[in-house]
PDB file of N, CA and C in Angstrom:
ATOM      1  N   LEU A   1      13.561   2.015  -1.244  1.00  0.00           N
ATOM      2  CA  LEU A   1      12.602   1.131  -0.582  1.00  0.00           C
ATOM      3  C   LEU A   1      11.540   0.662  -1.565  1.00  0.00           C
ATOM      4  N   ALA A   2      11.107   1.537  -2.445  1.00  0.00           N
ATOM      5  CA  ALA A   2      10.071   1.160  -3.415  1.00  0.00           C
ATOM      6  C   ALA A   2      10.567   0.074  -4.353  1.00  0.00           C
ATOM      7  N   ALA A   3      11.843   0.112  -4.704  1.00  0.00           N
ATOM      8  CA  ALA A   3      12.397  -0.913  -5.595  1.00  0.00           C
ATOM      9  C   ALA A   3      12.384  -2.279  -4.921  1.00  0.00           C
ATOM     10  N   LYS A   4      12.649  -2.323  -3.640  1.00  0.00           N
ATOM     11  CA  LYS A   4      12.623  -3.591  -2.905  1.00  0.00           C
ATOM     12  C   LYS A   4      11.198  -4.112  -2.751  1.00  0.00           C
ATOM     13  N   LEU A   5      10.260  -3.219  -2.551  1.00  0.00           N
ATOM     14  CA  LEU A   5       8.875  -3.637  -2.356  1.00  0.00           C
ATOM     15  C   LEU A   5       8.201  -4.038  -3.655  1.00  0.00           C
ATOM     16  N   ALA A   6       8.838  -3.769  -4.766  1.00  0.00           N
ATOM     17  CA  ALA A   6       8.272  -4.163  -6.061  1.00  0.00           C
ATOM     18  C   ALA A   6       8.388  -5.663  -6.290  1.00  0.00           C
ATOM     19  N   ASN A   7       9.194  -6.348  -5.487  1.00  0.00           N
ATOM     20  CA  ASN A   7       9.420  -7.781  -5.660  1.00  0.00           C
ATOM     21  C   ASN A   7       8.528  -8.638  -4.775  1.00  0.00           C
ATOM     22  N   VAL A   8       7.430  -8.109  -4.303  1.00  0.00           N
ATOM     23  CA  VAL A   8       6.494  -8.858  -3.460  1.00  0.00           C
ATOM     24  C   VAL A   8       5.730  -9.842  -4.338  1.00  0.00           C
ATOM     25  N   GLU A   9       5.785 -11.132  -3.954  1.00  0.00           N
ATOM     26  CA  GLU A   9       5.157 -12.162  -4.783  1.00  0.00           C
ATOM     27  C   GLU A   9       4.124 -13.009  -4.057  1.00  0.00           C
ATOM     28  N   THR A  10       4.127 -13.004  -2.731  1.00  0.00           N
ATOM     29  CA  THR A  10       3.188 -13.828  -1.971  1.00  0.00           C
ATOM     30  C   THR A  10       2.538 -12.989  -0.869  1.00  0.00           C
ATOM     31  N   THR A  11       1.507 -13.549  -0.268  1.00  0.00           N
ATOM     32  CA  THR A  11       0.852 -12.841   0.835  1.00  0.00           C
ATOM     33  C   THR A  11       1.758 -12.785   2.068  1.00  0.00           C
ATOM     34  N   ASP A  12       2.667 -13.744   2.212  1.00  0.00           N
ATOM     35  CA  ASP A  12       3.639 -13.673   3.307  1.00  0.00           C
ATOM     36  C   ASP A  12       4.566 -12.479   3.119  1.00  0.00           C
ATOM     37  N   ASP A  13       4.909 -12.199   1.869  1.00  0.00           N
ATOM     38  CA  ASP A  13       5.723 -11.022   1.573  1.00  0.00           C
ATOM     39  C   ASP A  13       4.968  -9.743   1.926  1.00  0.00           C
ATOM     40  N   LEU A  14       3.652  -9.759   1.774  1.00  0.00           N
ATOM     41  CA  LEU A  14       2.852  -8.584   2.141  1.00  0.00           C
ATOM     42  C   LEU A  14       2.919  -8.326   3.642  1.00  0.00           C
ATOM     43  N   LYS A  15       2.887  -9.386   4.429  1.00  0.00           N
ATOM     44  CA  LYS A  15       2.982  -9.239   5.884  1.00  0.00           C
ATOM     45  C   LYS A  15       4.328  -8.630   6.261  1.00  0.00           C
ATOM     46  N   MET A  16       5.390  -9.102   5.614  1.00  0.00           N
ATOM     47  CA  MET A  16       6.715  -8.552   5.866  1.00  0.00           C
ATOM     48  C   MET A  16       6.768  -7.082   5.435  1.00  0.00           C
ATOM     49  N   THR A  17       6.127  -6.772   4.328  1.00  0.00           N
ATOM     50  CA  THR A  17       6.075  -5.398   3.832  1.00  0.00           C
ATOM     51  C   THR A  17       5.378  -4.485   4.834  1.00  0.00           C
ATOM     52  N   GLU A  18       4.291  -4.955   5.419  1.00  0.00           N
ATOM     53  CA  GLU A  18       3.573  -4.162   6.414  1.00  0.00           C
ATOM     54  C   GLU A  18       4.455  -3.885   7.624  1.00  0.00           C
ATOM     55  N   THR A  19       5.206  -4.887   8.054  1.00  0.00           N
ATOM     56  CA  THR A  19       6.104  -4.721   9.194  1.00  0.00           C
ATOM     57  C   THR A  19       7.207  -3.720   8.874  1.00  0.00           C
ATOM     58  N   ILE A  20       7.798  -3.847   7.692  1.00  0.00           N
ATOM     59  CA  ILE A  20       8.857  -2.921   7.280  1.00  0.00           C
ATOM     60  C   ILE A  20       8.318  -1.500   7.194  1.00  0.00           C
ATOM     61  N   LEU A  21       7.153  -1.358   6.622  1.00  0.00           N
ATOM     62  CA  LEU A  21       6.556  -0.034   6.462  1.00  0.00           C
ATOM     63  C   LEU A  21       6.247   0.603   7.811  1.00  0.00           C
ATOM     64  N   GLU A  22       5.760  -0.198   8.734  1.00  0.00           N
ATOM     65  CA  GLU A  22       5.454   0.311  10.073  1.00  0.00           C
ATOM     66  C   GLU A  22       6.725   0.816  10.761  1.00  0.00           C
ATOM     67  N   LYS A  23       7.818   0.076  10.629  1.00  0.00           N
ATOM     68  CA  LYS A  23       9.080   0.490  11.253  1.00  0.00           C
ATOM     69  C   LYS A  23       9.710   1.669  10.507  1.00  0.00           C
ATOM     70  N   PHE A  24       9.573   1.678   9.197  1.00  0.00           N
ATOM     71  CA  PHE A  24      10.126   2.762   8.386  1.00  0.00           C
ATOM     72  C   PHE A  24       9.477   4.095   8.733  1.00  0.00           C
ATOM     73  N   ARG A  25       8.234   4.050   9.108  1.00  0.00           N
ATOM     74  CA  ARG A  25       7.470   5.267   9.411  1.00  0.00           C
ATOM     75  C   ARG A  25       8.126   6.083  10.513  1.00  0.00           C
ATOM     76  N   TYR A  26       8.845   5.442  11.423  1.00  0.00           N
ATOM     77  CA  TYR A  26       9.437   6.126  12.569  1.00  0.00           C
ATOM     78  C   TYR A  26      10.921   6.416  12.381  1.00  0.00           C
ATOM     79  N   THR A  27      11.408   6.386  11.158  1.00  0.00           N
ATOM     80  CA  THR A  27      12.803   6.716  10.867  1.00  0.00           C
ATOM     81  C   THR A  27      12.879   8.116  10.252  1.00  0.00           C
ATOM     82  N   PRO A  28      14.040   8.748  10.314  1.00  0.00           N
ATOM     83  CA  PRO A  28      14.191  10.075   9.691  1.00  0.00           C
ATOM     84  C   PRO A  28      13.984  10.055   8.175  1.00  0.00           C
ATOM     85  N   GLU A  29      14.261   8.936   7.530  1.00  0.00           N
ATOM     86  CA  GLU A  29      14.088   8.831   6.087  1.00  0.00           C
ATOM     87  C   GLU A  29      12.622   8.907   5.665  1.00  0.00           C
ATOM     88  N   ALA A  30      11.721   8.676   6.593  1.00  0.00           N
ATOM     89  CA  ALA A  30      10.289   8.713   6.272  1.00  0.00           C
ATOM     90  C   ALA A  30       9.822  10.121   5.907  1.00  0.00           C
ATOM     91  N   LEU A  31      10.616  11.123   6.259  1.00  0.00           N
ATOM     92  CA  LEU A  31      10.256  12.494   5.892  1.00  0.00           C
ATOM     93  C   LEU A  31      10.319  12.702   4.385  1.00  0.00           C
ATOM     94  N   GLU A  32      11.134  11.906   3.709  1.00  0.00           N
ATOM     95  CA  GLU A  32      11.267  12.004   2.258  1.00  0.00           C
ATOM     96  C   GLU A  32      10.490  10.888   1.568  1.00  0.00           C
ATOM     97  N   PHE A  33       9.332  10.591   2.092  1.00  0.00           N
ATOM     98  CA  PHE A  33       8.469   9.526   1.579  1.00  0.00           C
ATOM     99  C   PHE A  33       8.026   9.860   0.157  1.00  0.00           C
ATOM    100  N   GLN A  34       8.285   8.973  -0.767  1.00  0.00           N
ATOM    101  CA  GLN A  34       7.958   9.203  -2.171  1.00  0.00           C
ATOM    102  C   GLN A  34       6.575   8.637  -2.508  1.00  0.00           C
ATOM    103  N   PRO A  35       5.821   9.312  -3.348  1.00  0.00           N
ATOM    104  CA  PRO A  35       4.514   8.793  -3.770  1.00  0.00           C
ATOM    105  C   PRO A  35       4.622   7.457  -4.505  1.00  0.00           C
ATOM    106  N   SER A  36       5.780   7.191  -5.088  1.00  0.00           N
ATOM    107  CA  SER A  36       5.957   5.925  -5.800  1.00  0.00           C
ATOM    108  C   SER A  36       5.867   4.738  -4.854  1.00  0.00           C
ATOM    109  N   LEU A  37       6.191   4.940  -3.587  1.00  0.00           N
ATOM    110  CA  LEU A  37       6.093   3.854  -2.615  1.00  0.00           C
ATOM    111  C   LEU A  37       4.636   3.460  -2.395  1.00  0.00           C
ATOM    112  N   THR A  38       3.767   4.433  -2.257  1.00  0.00           N
ATOM    113  CA  THR A  38       2.342   4.140  -2.092  1.00  0.00           C
ATOM    114  C   THR A  38       1.792   3.458  -3.334  1.00  0.00           C
ATOM    115  N   TYR A  39       2.167   3.947  -4.502  1.00  0.00           N
ATOM    116  CA  TYR A  39       1.715   3.338  -5.756  1.00  0.00           C
ATOM    117  C   TYR A  39       2.188   1.889  -5.848  1.00  0.00           C
ATOM    118  N   CYS A  40       3.432   1.644  -5.466  1.00  0.00           N
ATOM    119  CA  CYS A  40       3.986   0.287  -5.498  1.00  0.00           C
ATOM    120  C   CYS A  40       3.210  -0.637  -4.560  1.00  0.00           C
ATOM    121  N   LEU A  41       2.904  -0.161  -3.371  1.00  0.00           N
ATOM    122  CA  LEU A  41       2.145  -0.973  -2.416  1.00  0.00           C
ATOM    123  C   LEU A  41       0.737  -1.268  -2.921  1.00  0.00           C
ATOM    124  N   VAL A  42       0.092  -0.265  -3.486  1.00  0.00           N
ATOM    125  CA  VAL A  42      -1.255  -0.462  -4.028  1.00  0.00           C
ATOM    126  C   VAL A  42      -1.225  -1.516  -5.127  1.00  0.00           C
ATOM    127  N   ARG A  43      -0.263  -1.419  -6.023  1.00  0.00           N
ATOM    128  CA  ARG A  43      -0.143  -2.404  -7.110  1.00  0.00           C
ATOM    129  C   ARG A  43       0.085  -3.810  -6.552  1.00  0.00           C
ATOM    130  N   ASN A  44       0.929  -3.938  -5.531  1.00  0.00           N
ATOM    131  CA  ASN A  44       1.195  -5.251  -4.943  1.00  0.00           C
ATOM    132  C   ASN A  44      -0.070  -5.861  -4.347  1.00  0.00           C
ATOM    133  N   TYR A  45      -0.803  -5.082  -3.581  1.00  0.00           N
ATOM    134  CA  TYR A  45      -2.023  -5.595  -2.958  1.00  0.00           C
ATOM    135  C   TYR A  45      -3.069  -5.965  -4.002  1.00  0.00           C
ATOM    136  N   LEU A  46      -3.203  -5.148  -5.024  1.00  0.00           N
ATOM    137  CA  LEU A  46      -4.182  -5.449  -6.069  1.00  0.00           C
ATOM    138  C   LEU A  46      -3.764  -6.663  -6.893  1.00  0.00           C
ATOM    139  N   ASP A  47      -2.491  -6.771  -7.221  1.00  0.00           N
ATOM    140  CA  ASP A  47      -2.012  -7.906  -8.013  1.00  0.00           C
ATOM    141  C   ASP A  47      -2.177  -9.233  -7.279  1.00  0.00           C
ATOM    142  N   LEU A  48      -2.069  -9.192  -5.950  1.00  0.00           N
ATOM    143  CA  LEU A  48      -2.222 -10.416  -5.160  1.00  0.00           C
ATOM    144  C   LEU A  48      -3.660 -10.624  -4.682  1.00  0.00           C
ATOM    145  N   GLY A  49      -4.570  -9.760  -5.090  1.00  0.00           N
ATOM    146  CA  GLY A  49      -5.977  -9.919  -4.722  1.00  0.00           C
ATOM    147  C   GLY A  49      -6.255  -9.664  -3.253  1.00  0.00           C
ATOM    148  N   GLN A  50      -5.513  -8.779  -2.632  1.00  0.00           N
ATOM    149  CA  GLN A  50      -5.642  -8.505  -1.202  1.00  0.00           C
ATOM    150  C   GLN A  50      -6.106  -7.072  -0.933  1.00  0.00           C
ATOM    151  N   LYS A  51      -7.035  -6.583  -1.750  1.00  0.00           N
ATOM    152  CA  LYS A  51      -7.436  -5.176  -1.613  1.00  0.00           C
ATOM    153  C   LYS A  51      -8.138  -4.881  -0.294  1.00  0.00           C
ATOM    154  N   GLU A  52      -8.869  -5.823   0.277  1.00  0.00           N
ATOM    155  CA  GLU A  52      -9.520  -5.589   1.568  1.00  0.00           C
ATOM    156  C   GLU A  52      -8.487  -5.441   2.676  1.00  0.00           C
ATOM    157  N   ARG A  53      -7.372  -6.120   2.533  1.00  0.00           N
ATOM    158  CA  ARG A  53      -6.304  -6.059   3.526  1.00  0.00           C
ATOM    159  C   ARG A  53      -5.578  -4.706   3.479  1.00  0.00           C
ATOM    160  N   MET A  54      -5.673  -4.027   2.367  1.00  0.00           N
ATOM    161  CA  MET A  54      -4.992  -2.753   2.177  1.00  0.00           C
ATOM    162  C   MET A  54      -5.726  -1.603   2.877  1.00  0.00           C
ATOM    163  N   ILE A  55      -7.026  -1.696   3.038  1.00  0.00           N
ATOM    164  CA  ILE A  55      -7.830  -0.596   3.577  1.00  0.00           C
ATOM    165  C   ILE A  55      -7.396  -0.176   4.986  1.00  0.00           C
ATOM    166  N   PRO A  56      -7.169  -1.100   5.935  1.00  0.00           N
ATOM    167  CA  PRO A  56      -6.718  -0.656   7.261  1.00  0.00           C
ATOM    168  C   PRO A  56      -5.377   0.080   7.229  1.00  0.00           C
ATOM    169  N   LEU A  57      -4.497  -0.296   6.322  1.00  0.00           N
ATOM    170  CA  LEU A  57      -3.219   0.403   6.199  1.00  0.00           C
ATOM    171  C   LEU A  57      -3.420   1.837   5.743  1.00  0.00           C
ATOM    172  N   LEU A  58      -4.344   2.022   4.820  1.00  0.00           N
ATOM    173  CA  LEU A  58      -4.609   3.366   4.312  1.00  0.00           C
ATOM    174  C   LEU A  58      -5.339   4.228   5.337  1.00  0.00           C
ATOM    175  N   GLN A  59      -6.130   3.602   6.198  1.00  0.00           N
ATOM    176  CA  GLN A  59      -6.882   4.353   7.205  1.00  0.00           C
ATOM    177  C   GLN A  59      -6.006   4.784   8.376  1.00  0.00           C
ATOM    178  N   ASP A  60      -4.978   4.000   8.688  1.00  0.00           N
ATOM    179  CA  ASP A  60      -4.109   4.306   9.828  1.00  0.00           C
ATOM    180  C   ASP A  60      -2.920   5.152   9.362  1.00  0.00           C
ATOM    181  N   LYS A  61      -3.145   6.448   9.229  1.00  0.00           N
ATOM    182  CA  LYS A  61      -2.116   7.368   8.720  1.00  0.00           C
ATOM    183  C   LYS A  61      -0.946   7.505   9.688  1.00  0.00           C
ATOM    184  N   LEU A  62      -1.205   7.453  10.978  1.00  0.00           N
ATOM    185  CA  LEU A  62      -0.147   7.627  11.960  1.00  0.00           C
ATOM    186  C   LEU A  62       0.820   6.447  11.963  1.00  0.00           C
ATOM    187  N   LYS A  63       0.288   5.259  11.861  1.00  0.00           N
ATOM    188  CA  LYS A  63       1.118   4.057  11.942  1.00  0.00           C
ATOM    189  C   LYS A  63       1.876   3.771  10.646  1.00  0.00           C
ATOM    190  N   TYR A  64       1.235   3.992   9.495  1.00  0.00           N
ATOM    191  CA  TYR A  64       1.851   3.627   8.212  1.00  0.00           C
ATOM    192  C   TYR A  64       2.212   4.831   7.345  1.00  0.00           C
ATOM    193  N   GLY A  65       1.546   5.937   7.495  1.00  0.00           N
ATOM    194  CA  GLY A  65       1.871   7.140   6.751  1.00  0.00           C
ATOM    195  C   GLY A  65       1.628   7.063   5.259  1.00  0.00           C
ATOM    196  N   LEU A  66       0.633   6.291   4.847  1.00  0.00           N
ATOM    197  CA  LEU A  66       0.332   6.156   3.421  1.00  0.00           C
ATOM    198  C   LEU A  66      -0.733   7.167   3.009  1.00  0.00           C
ATOM    199  N   TYR A  67      -0.400   7.948   2.001  1.00  0.00           N
ATOM    200  CA  TYR A  67      -1.333   8.922   1.442  1.00  0.00           C
ATOM    201  C   TYR A  67      -1.452   8.641  -0.046  1.00  0.00           C
ATOM    202  N   LEU A  68      -2.669   8.507  -0.509  1.00  0.00           N
ATOM    203  CA  LEU A  68      -2.900   8.149  -1.909  1.00  0.00           C
ATOM    204  C   LEU A  68      -2.747   9.358  -2.823  1.00  0.00           C
ATOM    205  N   ASP A  69      -2.139   9.118  -3.968  1.00  0.00           N
ATOM    206  CA  ASP A  69      -2.165  10.120  -5.024  1.00  0.00           C
ATOM    207  C   ASP A  69      -3.344   9.783  -5.937  1.00  0.00           C
ATOM    208  N   ARG A  70      -3.551  10.580  -6.959  1.00  0.00           N
ATOM    209  CA  ARG A  70      -4.707  10.368  -7.840  1.00  0.00           C
ATOM    210  C   ARG A  70      -4.656   9.015  -8.537  1.00  0.00           C
ATOM    211  N   PHE A  71      -3.475   8.601  -8.966  1.00  0.00           N
ATOM    212  CA  PHE A  71      -3.353   7.355  -9.713  1.00  0.00           C
ATOM    213  C   PHE A  71      -3.635   6.137  -8.829  1.00  0.00           C
ATOM    214  N   SER A  72      -3.051   6.143  -7.632  1.00  0.00           N
ATOM    215  CA  SER A  72      -3.273   5.027  -6.708  1.00  0.00           C
ATOM    216  C   SER A  72      -4.731   4.954  -6.275  1.00  0.00           C
ATOM    217  N   ALA A  73      -5.322   6.100  -5.990  1.00  0.00           N
ATOM    218  CA  ALA A  73      -6.728   6.130  -5.584  1.00  0.00           C
ATOM    219  C   ALA A  73      -7.630   5.615  -6.698  1.00  0.00           C
ATOM    220  N   ASN A  74      -7.334   5.980  -7.939  1.00  0.00           N
ATOM    221  CA  ASN A  74      -8.132   5.495  -9.062  1.00  0.00           C
ATOM    222  C   ASN A  74      -7.991   3.993  -9.251  1.00  0.00           C
ATOM    223  N   LEU A  75      -6.802   3.456  -9.034  1.00  0.00           N
ATOM    224  CA  LEU A  75      -6.616   2.005  -9.132  1.00  0.00           C
ATOM    225  C   LEU A  75      -7.475   1.274  -8.103  1.00  0.00           C
ATOM    226  N   ILE A  76      -7.472   1.784  -6.878  1.00  0.00           N
ATOM    227  CA  ILE A  76      -8.249   1.147  -5.811  1.00  0.00           C
ATOM    228  C   ILE A  76      -9.745   1.260  -6.091  1.00  0.00           C
ATOM    229  N   LEU A  77     -10.197   2.450  -6.445  1.00  0.00           N
ATOM    230  CA  LEU A  77     -11.620   2.635  -6.742  1.00  0.00           C
ATOM    231  C   LEU A  77     -12.065   1.746  -7.888  1.00  0.00           C
ATOM    232  N   ASN A  78     -11.263   1.660  -8.910  1.00  0.00           N
ATOM    233  CA  ASN A  78     -11.597   0.815 -10.053  1.00  0.00           C
ATOM    234  C   ASN A  78     -11.705  -0.649  -9.643  1.00  0.00           C
ATOM    235  N   ALA A  79     -10.776  -1.114  -8.815  1.00  0.00           N
ATOM    236  CA  ALA A  79     -10.800  -2.509  -8.377  1.00  0.00           C
ATOM    237  C   ALA A  79     -12.071  -2.817  -7.588  1.00  0.00           C
ATOM    238  N   PHE A  80     -12.479  -1.915  -6.706  1.00  0.00           N
ATOM    239  CA  PHE A  80     -13.691  -2.141  -5.929  1.00  0.00           C
ATOM    240  C   PHE A  80     -14.946  -2.008  -6.786  1.00  0.00           C
ATOM    241  N   LEU A  81     -14.945  -1.107  -7.740  1.00  0.00           N
ATOM    242  CA  LEU A  81     -16.105  -0.968  -8.625  1.00  0.00           C
ATOM    243  C   LEU A  81     -16.279  -2.186  -9.516  1.00  0.00           C
ATOM    244  N   ILE A  82     -15.191  -2.749  -9.993  1.00  0.00           N
ATOM    245  CA  ILE A  82     -15.264  -3.956 -10.824  1.00  0.00           C
ATOM    246  C   ILE A  82     -15.862  -5.113 -10.031  1.00  0.00           C
ATOM    247  N   ASP A  83     -15.488  -5.214  -8.746  1.00  0.00           N
ATOM    248  CA  ASP A  83     -16.021  -6.283  -7.890  1.00  0.00           C
ATOM    249  C   ASP A  83     -17.388  -5.947  -7.308  1.00  0.00           C
ATOM    250  N   LYS A  84     -17.938  -4.775  -7.665  1.00  0.00           N
ATOM    251  CA  LYS A  84     -19.241  -4.313  -7.181  1.00  0.00           C
ATOM    252  C   LYS A  84     -19.295  -4.220  -5.653  1.00  0.00           C
ATOM    253  N   LYS A  85     -18.214  -3.735  -5.060  1.00  0.00           N
ATOM    254  CA  LYS A  85     -18.164  -3.512  -3.611  1.00  0.00           C
ATOM    255  C   LYS A  85     -18.254  -2.013  -3.375  1.00  0.00           C
ATOM    256  N   TYR A  86     -19.487  -1.535  -3.241  1.00  0.00           N
ATOM    257  CA  TYR A  86     -19.747  -0.105  -3.137  1.00  0.00           C
ATOM    258  C   TYR A  86     -19.855   0.388  -1.712  1.00  0.00           C
ATOM    259  N   LYS A  87     -19.758  -0.459  -0.750  1.00  0.00           N
ATOM    260  CA  LYS A  87     -19.992  -0.139   0.649  1.00  0.00           C
ATOM    261  C   LYS A  87     -19.168   1.002   1.157  1.00  0.00           C
TER     262      LYS A  87
END
């Protein structure tokens, strides 16, 4: 799944990714959720300049099941610090 999500190029692709991720969360394969998937999603949102759109996904653990590792969390924090969004 992470390999497929690495090809996200537009914000429309992000919407499709959110839908896929929401449905994937309720499958048996979601038990073997890899940290690389979260890292891939974080990179996609940051590369497309949609970091504010990523926050609700990270907050809704039940619906999306995204848990940040140290690397992904540092990428997000760095992006917000560069933009001076300390809120």
